[in-house]
Amino acid sequence: MAEETDKTTEAKGEASKGGADKKAKDTKDQAKSGGLLPRVLMGVGVIIISGAAGAGASLLLNSSGKDVAGEGPAAIDIQEQEPPKEFEYYAFEPVTVNLNVRRGNRYLKVVMFLAIAQDDKDEAIPEIQKRTKELKNWVMGYLRDHTLEEVTGKKNQVRIQREIAQSFNERLWPDGRPRVDHVLFDEFTVQ
């Protein structure tokens, strides 16, 4: 009986050894083929990319004329836009001022152009030329009150351009329509 137990134990050992060999072989086969996980991940990636491409195409080809939220036109009707204005650019005198700083001296040099619609140039330019000294004095006082932080950066420069144009229009044509459309800086140097 002891011999039978030994034979049974040997058979079980060989069977488990054969099972281990089989598992090792299966693992090697999976490693060679790349396994199941990479294939699943690749499939999921393809599905996600396809969905995104489909969504993008539907946004681009939206035939309803509405934006995605359904609130308004998706594109501007070109026929409704008025043609762009043509401007005469009047070179204003350069202005250099000390900035309002506590320590040291910082100055700002501004060279600007006033954009005046072609339809208004015959009336506006002579008025600007006649009152240039007054306008320049205002610009100097306006810029001198600014700190370094208030004149640096695009946002601040756009604000300054807008405020100069608005002030010129109020000073030159207080009861009329504005003639200076906008101001462009040719030079805006802080030192």
C-alpha atoms as a PDB file:
ATOM      1  CA  MET A   1       0.000   0.000   0.000  1.00  0.00           C
ATOM      2  CA  ALA A   2       2.889   2.292   0.707  1.00  0.00           C
ATOM      3  CA  GLU A   3       4.037   1.603  -2.822  1.00  0.00           C
ATOM      4  CA  GLU A   4       0.668   2.650  -4.193  1.00  0.00           C
ATOM      5  CA  THR A   5       0.776   5.864  -2.192  1.00  0.00           C
ATOM      6  CA  ASP A   6       4.263   6.574  -3.544  1.00  0.00           C
ATOM      7  CA  LYS A   7       3.118   5.921  -7.114  1.00  0.00           C
ATOM      8  CA  THR A   8       0.051   8.127  -6.627  1.00  0.00           C
ATOM      9  CA  THR A   9       2.214  10.888  -5.184  1.00  0.00           C
ATOM     10  CA  GLU A  10       4.644  10.532  -8.094  1.00  0.00           C
ATOM     11  CA  ALA A  11       1.786  10.686 -10.586  1.00  0.00           C
ATOM     12  CA  LYS A  12       0.381  13.763  -8.918  1.00  0.00           C
ATOM     13  CA  GLY A  13       3.827  15.386  -8.893  1.00  0.00           C
ATOM     14  CA  GLU A  14       4.315  14.661 -12.561  1.00  0.00           C
ATOM     15  CA  ALA A  15       0.836  15.966 -13.338  1.00  0.00           C
ATOM     16  CA  SER A  16       1.478  19.178 -11.425  1.00  0.00           C
ATOM     17  CA  LYS A  17       4.882  19.442 -13.052  1.00  0.00           C
ATOM     18  CA  GLY A  18       3.278  18.978 -16.454  1.00  0.00           C
ATOM     19  CA  GLY A  19       0.657  21.633 -15.503  1.00  0.00           C
ATOM     20  CA  ALA A  20       3.399  24.077 -14.529  1.00  0.00           C
ATOM     21  CA  ASP A  21       5.169  23.408 -17.821  1.00  0.00           C
ATOM     22  CA  LYS A  22       1.905  24.035 -19.664  1.00  0.00           C
ATOM     23  CA  LYS A  23       1.311  27.340 -17.800  1.00  0.00           C
ATOM     24  CA  ALA A  24       4.866  28.476 -18.553  1.00  0.00           C
ATOM     25  CA  LYS A  25       4.378  27.593 -22.211  1.00  0.00           C
ATOM     26  CA  ASP A  26       1.061  29.539 -22.327  1.00  0.00           C
ATOM     27  CA  THR A  27       2.736  32.569 -20.738  1.00  0.00           C
ATOM     28  CA  LYS A  28       5.529  32.448 -23.336  1.00  0.00           C
ATOM     29  CA  ASP A  29       2.970  32.229 -26.146  1.00  0.00           C
ATOM     30  CA  GLN A  30       1.101  35.245 -24.798  1.00  0.00           C
ATOM     31  CA  ALA A  31       4.338  37.202 -24.485  1.00  0.00           C
ATOM     32  CA  LYS A  32       5.184  36.383 -28.107  1.00  0.00           C
ATOM     33  CA  SER A  33       1.764  37.381 -29.399  1.00  0.00           C
ATOM     34  CA  GLY A  34       1.618  40.604 -27.318  1.00  0.00           C
ATOM     35  CA  GLY A  35      -1.122  39.438 -24.988  1.00  0.00           C
ATOM     36  CA  LEU A  36      -4.748  40.391 -24.805  1.00  0.00           C
ATOM     37  CA  LEU A  37      -4.437  43.691 -22.919  1.00  0.00           C
ATOM     38  CA  PRO A  38      -2.558  45.628 -25.644  1.00  0.00           C
ATOM     39  CA  ARG A  39      -5.110  44.485 -28.201  1.00  0.00           C
ATOM     40  CA  VAL A  40      -8.000  45.640 -26.037  1.00  0.00           C
ATOM     41  CA  LEU A  41      -6.348  48.994 -25.405  1.00  0.00           C
ATOM     42  CA  MET A  42      -5.670  49.448 -29.112  1.00  0.00           C
ATOM     43  CA  GLY A  43      -9.318  48.708 -29.908  1.00  0.00           C
ATOM     44  CA  VAL A  44     -10.555  51.184 -27.312  1.00  0.00           C
ATOM     45  CA  GLY A  45      -8.172  53.833 -28.688  1.00  0.00           C
ATOM     46  CA  VAL A  46      -9.474  53.318 -32.229  1.00  0.00           C
ATOM     47  CA  ILE A  47     -13.062  53.680 -31.019  1.00  0.00           C
ATOM     48  CA  ILE A  48     -12.278  56.905 -29.134  1.00  0.00           C
ATOM     49  CA  ILE A  49     -10.419  58.444 -32.083  1.00  0.00           C
ATOM     50  CA  SER A  50     -13.225  57.480 -34.466  1.00  0.00           C
ATOM     51  CA  GLY A  51     -15.810  59.053 -32.189  1.00  0.00           C
ATOM     52  CA  ALA A  52     -13.824  62.261 -31.876  1.00  0.00           C
ATOM     53  CA  ALA A  53     -13.346  62.461 -35.638  1.00  0.00           C
ATOM     54  CA  GLY A  54     -17.067  61.960 -36.188  1.00  0.00           C
ATOM     55  CA  ALA A  55     -17.949  64.659 -33.663  1.00  0.00           C
ATOM     56  CA  GLY A  56     -15.483  67.085 -35.254  1.00  0.00           C
ATOM     57  CA  ALA A  57     -16.863  66.404 -38.717  1.00  0.00           C
ATOM     58  CA  SER A  58     -20.421  67.003 -37.550  1.00  0.00           C
ATOM     59  CA  LEU A  59     -19.376  70.357 -36.049  1.00  0.00           C
ATOM     60  CA  LEU A  60     -17.662  71.424 -39.246  1.00  0.00           C
ATOM     61  CA  LEU A  61     -20.486  70.301 -41.466  1.00  0.00           C
ATOM     62  CA  ASN A  62     -23.349  71.628 -39.354  1.00  0.00           C
ATOM     63  CA  SER A  63     -25.904  72.449 -42.016  1.00  0.00           C
ATOM     64  CA  SER A  64     -28.456  74.046 -39.716  1.00  0.00           C
ATOM     65  CA  GLY A  65     -26.586  77.368 -39.707  1.00  0.00           C
ATOM     66  CA  LYS A  66     -26.607  77.372 -35.908  1.00  0.00           C
ATOM     67  CA  ASP A  67     -23.687  77.028 -33.562  1.00  0.00           C
ATOM     68  CA  VAL A  68     -23.406  73.929 -31.359  1.00  0.00           C
ATOM     69  CA  ALA A  69     -25.497  75.448 -28.579  1.00  0.00           C
ATOM     70  CA  GLY A  70     -28.146  76.414 -31.135  1.00  0.00           C
ATOM     71  CA  GLU A  71     -27.848  80.090 -30.288  1.00  0.00           C
ATOM     72  CA  GLY A  72     -27.116  82.146 -33.356  1.00  0.00           C
ATOM     73  CA  PRO A  73     -25.436  81.740 -36.691  1.00  0.00           C
ATOM     74  CA  ALA A  74     -22.384  79.542 -37.008  1.00  0.00           C
ATOM     75  CA  ALA A  75     -20.834  81.820 -39.630  1.00  0.00           C
ATOM     76  CA  ILE A  76     -21.128  85.528 -40.326  1.00  0.00           C
ATOM     77  CA  ASP A  77     -22.939  86.365 -43.520  1.00  0.00           C
ATOM     78  CA  ILE A  78     -20.354  88.193 -45.613  1.00  0.00           C
ATOM     79  CA  GLN A  79     -23.014  90.178 -47.495  1.00  0.00           C
ATOM     80  CA  GLU A  80     -24.249  91.746 -44.228  1.00  0.00           C
ATOM     81  CA  GLN A  81     -20.833  93.175 -43.333  1.00  0.00           C
ATOM     82  CA  GLU A  82     -20.107  96.699 -44.400  1.00  0.00           C
ATOM     83  CA  PRO A  83     -16.932  97.132 -46.427  1.00  0.00           C
ATOM     84  CA  PRO A  84     -13.867  98.009 -44.395  1.00  0.00           C
ATOM     85  CA  LYS A  85     -13.209 101.707 -44.047  1.00  0.00           C
ATOM     86  CA  GLU A  86     -10.184 103.247 -45.622  1.00  0.00           C
ATOM     87  CA  PHE A  87      -8.229 105.529 -43.339  1.00  0.00           C
ATOM     88  CA  GLU A  88      -5.864 108.413 -43.639  1.00  0.00           C
ATOM     89  CA  TYR A  89      -3.180 108.044 -40.956  1.00  0.00           C
ATOM     90  CA  TYR A  90      -2.161 111.364 -39.512  1.00  0.00           C
ATOM     91  CA  ALA A  91       1.266 111.326 -37.816  1.00  0.00           C
ATOM     92  CA  PHE A  92       0.876 113.004 -34.441  1.00  0.00           C
ATOM     93  CA  GLU A  93       3.871 114.669 -32.809  1.00  0.00           C
ATOM     94  CA  PRO A  94       6.037 112.322 -30.682  1.00  0.00           C
ATOM     95  CA  VAL A  95       5.423 112.555 -26.946  1.00  0.00           C
ATOM     96  CA  THR A  96       7.966 111.787 -24.197  1.00  0.00           C
ATOM     97  CA  VAL A  97       7.018 111.916 -20.517  1.00  0.00           C
ATOM     98  CA  ASN A  98       8.317 110.783 -17.141  1.00  0.00           C
ATOM     99  CA  LEU A  99       6.109 108.100 -15.638  1.00  0.00           C
ATOM    100  CA  ASN A 100       4.632 108.337 -12.162  1.00  0.00           C
ATOM    101  CA  VAL A 101       7.135 106.164 -10.282  1.00  0.00           C
ATOM    102  CA  ARG A 102       8.378 106.492  -6.699  1.00  0.00           C
ATOM    103  CA  ARG A 103      11.985 105.404  -7.228  1.00  0.00           C
ATOM    104  CA  GLY A 104      14.245 106.416 -10.051  1.00  0.00           C
ATOM    105  CA  ASN A 105      13.234 107.912 -13.343  1.00  0.00           C
ATOM    106  CA  ARG A 106      11.259 105.972 -15.936  1.00  0.00           C
ATOM    107  CA  TYR A 107      10.069 107.579 -19.086  1.00  0.00           C
ATOM    108  CA  LEU A 108       7.680 106.708 -21.873  1.00  0.00           C
ATOM    109  CA  LYS A 109       8.135 107.710 -25.506  1.00  0.00           C
ATOM    110  CA  VAL A 110       5.098 107.434 -27.769  1.00  0.00           C
ATOM    111  CA  VAL A 111       4.925 107.945 -31.520  1.00  0.00           C
ATOM    112  CA  MET A 112       1.375 107.538 -32.783  1.00  0.00           C
ATOM    113  CA  PHE A 113      -0.864 107.831 -35.801  1.00  0.00           C
ATOM    114  CA  LEU A 114      -4.479 108.942 -35.748  1.00  0.00           C
ATOM    115  CA  ALA A 115      -6.729 106.909 -38.056  1.00  0.00           C
ATOM    116  CA  ILE A 116      -9.240 109.177 -39.769  1.00  0.00           C
ATOM    117  CA  ALA A 117     -11.795 107.889 -42.269  1.00  0.00           C
ATOM    118  CA  GLN A 118     -11.158 109.069 -45.850  1.00  0.00           C
ATOM    119  CA  ASP A 119     -14.569 110.773 -45.841  1.00  0.00           C
ATOM    120  CA  ASP A 120     -13.593 112.882 -42.809  1.00  0.00           C
ATOM    121  CA  LYS A 121      -9.971 113.713 -43.554  1.00  0.00           C
ATOM    122  CA  ASP A 122     -10.617 117.079 -45.252  1.00  0.00           C
ATOM    123  CA  GLU A 123     -12.436 118.371 -42.183  1.00  0.00           C
ATOM    124  CA  ALA A 124     -10.573 116.531 -39.394  1.00  0.00           C
ATOM    125  CA  ILE A 125      -6.895 116.951 -40.282  1.00  0.00           C
ATOM    126  CA  PRO A 126      -6.946 120.787 -40.424  1.00  0.00           C
ATOM    127  CA  GLU A 127      -8.725 120.862 -37.043  1.00  0.00           C
ATOM    128  CA  ILE A 128      -6.144 118.491 -35.520  1.00  0.00           C
ATOM    129  CA  GLN A 129      -3.272 120.561 -36.966  1.00  0.00           C
ATOM    130  CA  LYS A 130      -4.773 123.766 -35.591  1.00  0.00           C
ATOM    131  CA  ARG A 131      -5.079 122.310 -32.072  1.00  0.00           C
ATOM    132  CA  THR A 132      -1.991 120.054 -31.981  1.00  0.00           C
ATOM    133  CA  LYS A 133      -0.295 121.920 -29.113  1.00  0.00           C
ATOM    134  CA  GLU A 134      -3.412 121.622 -26.944  1.00  0.00           C
ATOM    135  CA  LEU A 135      -3.834 117.928 -27.779  1.00  0.00           C
ATOM    136  CA  LYS A 136      -0.162 117.176 -27.165  1.00  0.00           C
ATOM    137  CA  ASN A 137      -0.336 118.914 -23.789  1.00  0.00           C
ATOM    138  CA  TRP A 138      -3.328 116.762 -22.843  1.00  0.00           C
ATOM    139  CA  VAL A 139      -1.541 113.555 -23.951  1.00  0.00           C
ATOM    140  CA  MET A 140       1.525 114.473 -21.902  1.00  0.00           C
ATOM    141  CA  GLY A 141      -0.528 115.062 -18.751  1.00  0.00           C
ATOM    142  CA  TYR A 142      -2.560 111.906 -19.345  1.00  0.00           C
ATOM    143  CA  LEU A 143       0.498 109.666 -19.811  1.00  0.00           C
ATOM    144  CA  ARG A 144       2.477 111.321 -16.993  1.00  0.00           C
ATOM    145  CA  ASP A 145      -0.188 110.239 -14.476  1.00  0.00           C
ATOM    146  CA  HIS A 146       0.371 106.565 -15.303  1.00  0.00           C
ATOM    147  CA  THR A 147       2.588 104.167 -13.380  1.00  0.00           C
ATOM    148  CA  LEU A 148       4.897 101.667 -15.025  1.00  0.00           C
ATOM    149  CA  GLU A 149       2.387  98.851 -14.420  1.00  0.00           C
ATOM    150  CA  GLU A 150      -0.392 100.880 -16.073  1.00  0.00           C
ATOM    151  CA  VAL A 151       1.483 101.305 -19.358  1.00  0.00           C
ATOM    152  CA  THR A 152       3.053  97.879 -19.829  1.00  0.00           C
ATOM    153  CA  GLY A 153       1.336  94.969 -21.516  1.00  0.00           C
ATOM    154  CA  LYS A 154      -0.887  94.725 -24.564  1.00  0.00           C
ATOM    155  CA  LYS A 155      -4.130  95.162 -22.629  1.00  0.00           C
ATOM    156  CA  ASN A 156      -2.941  98.467 -21.162  1.00  0.00           C
ATOM    157  CA  GLN A 157      -1.652  99.745 -24.507  1.00  0.00           C
ATOM    158  CA  VAL A 158      -4.992  99.003 -26.182  1.00  0.00           C
ATOM    159  CA  ARG A 159      -6.783 100.833 -23.353  1.00  0.00           C
ATOM    160  CA  ILE A 160      -4.474 103.851 -23.746  1.00  0.00           C
ATOM    161  CA  GLN A 161      -5.069 103.927 -27.526  1.00  0.00           C
ATOM    162  CA  ARG A 162      -8.837 103.829 -26.987  1.00  0.00           C
ATOM    163  CA  GLU A 163      -8.759 106.567 -24.318  1.00  0.00           C
ATOM    164  CA  ILE A 164      -6.611 108.885 -26.450  1.00  0.00           C
ATOM    165  CA  ALA A 165      -8.941 108.521 -29.443  1.00  0.00           C
ATOM    166  CA  GLN A 166     -12.002 109.093 -27.246  1.00  0.00           C
ATOM    167  CA  SER A 167     -10.507 112.179 -25.608  1.00  0.00           C
ATOM    168  CA  PHE A 168      -9.400 113.693 -28.925  1.00  0.00           C
ATOM    169  CA  ASN A 169     -12.916 113.257 -30.313  1.00  0.00           C
ATOM    170  CA  GLU A 170     -14.479 114.834 -27.224  1.00  0.00           C
ATOM    171  CA  ARG A 171     -12.086 117.797 -27.354  1.00  0.00           C
ATOM    172  CA  LEU A 172     -12.217 118.406 -31.103  1.00  0.00           C
ATOM    173  CA  TRP A 173     -15.888 117.653 -31.836  1.00  0.00           C
ATOM    174  CA  PRO A 174     -17.773 117.803 -28.523  1.00  0.00           C
ATOM    175  CA  ASP A 175     -21.232 117.920 -30.116  1.00  0.00           C
ATOM    176  CA  GLY A 176     -20.465 116.073 -33.337  1.00  0.00           C
ATOM    177  CA  ARG A 177     -19.654 112.570 -34.381  1.00  0.00           C
ATOM    178  CA  PRO A 178     -16.147 111.232 -33.715  1.00  0.00           C
ATOM    179  CA  ARG A 179     -13.648 111.680 -36.546  1.00  0.00           C
ATOM    180  CA  VAL A 180     -10.644 109.865 -35.015  1.00  0.00           C
ATOM    181  CA  ASP A 181     -11.536 106.200 -35.477  1.00  0.00           C
ATOM    182  CA  HIS A 182      -8.581 104.760 -33.584  1.00  0.00           C
ATOM    183  CA  VAL A 183      -4.977 105.378 -32.599  1.00  0.00           C
ATOM    184  CA  LEU A 184      -1.991 103.278 -33.690  1.00  0.00           C
ATOM    185  CA  PHE A 185       1.346 103.308 -31.908  1.00  0.00           C
ATOM    186  CA  ASP A 186       4.389 103.382 -34.142  1.00  0.00           C
ATOM    187  CA  GLU A 187       6.603 103.443 -31.059  1.00  0.00           C
ATOM    188  CA  PHE A 188       5.769 102.816 -27.415  1.00  0.00           C
ATOM    189  CA  THR A 189       9.012 102.697 -25.464  1.00  0.00           C
ATOM    190  CA  VAL A 190       9.367 102.525 -21.695  1.00  0.00           C
ATOM    191  CA  GLN A 191      12.837 103.117 -20.236  1.00  0.00           C
END
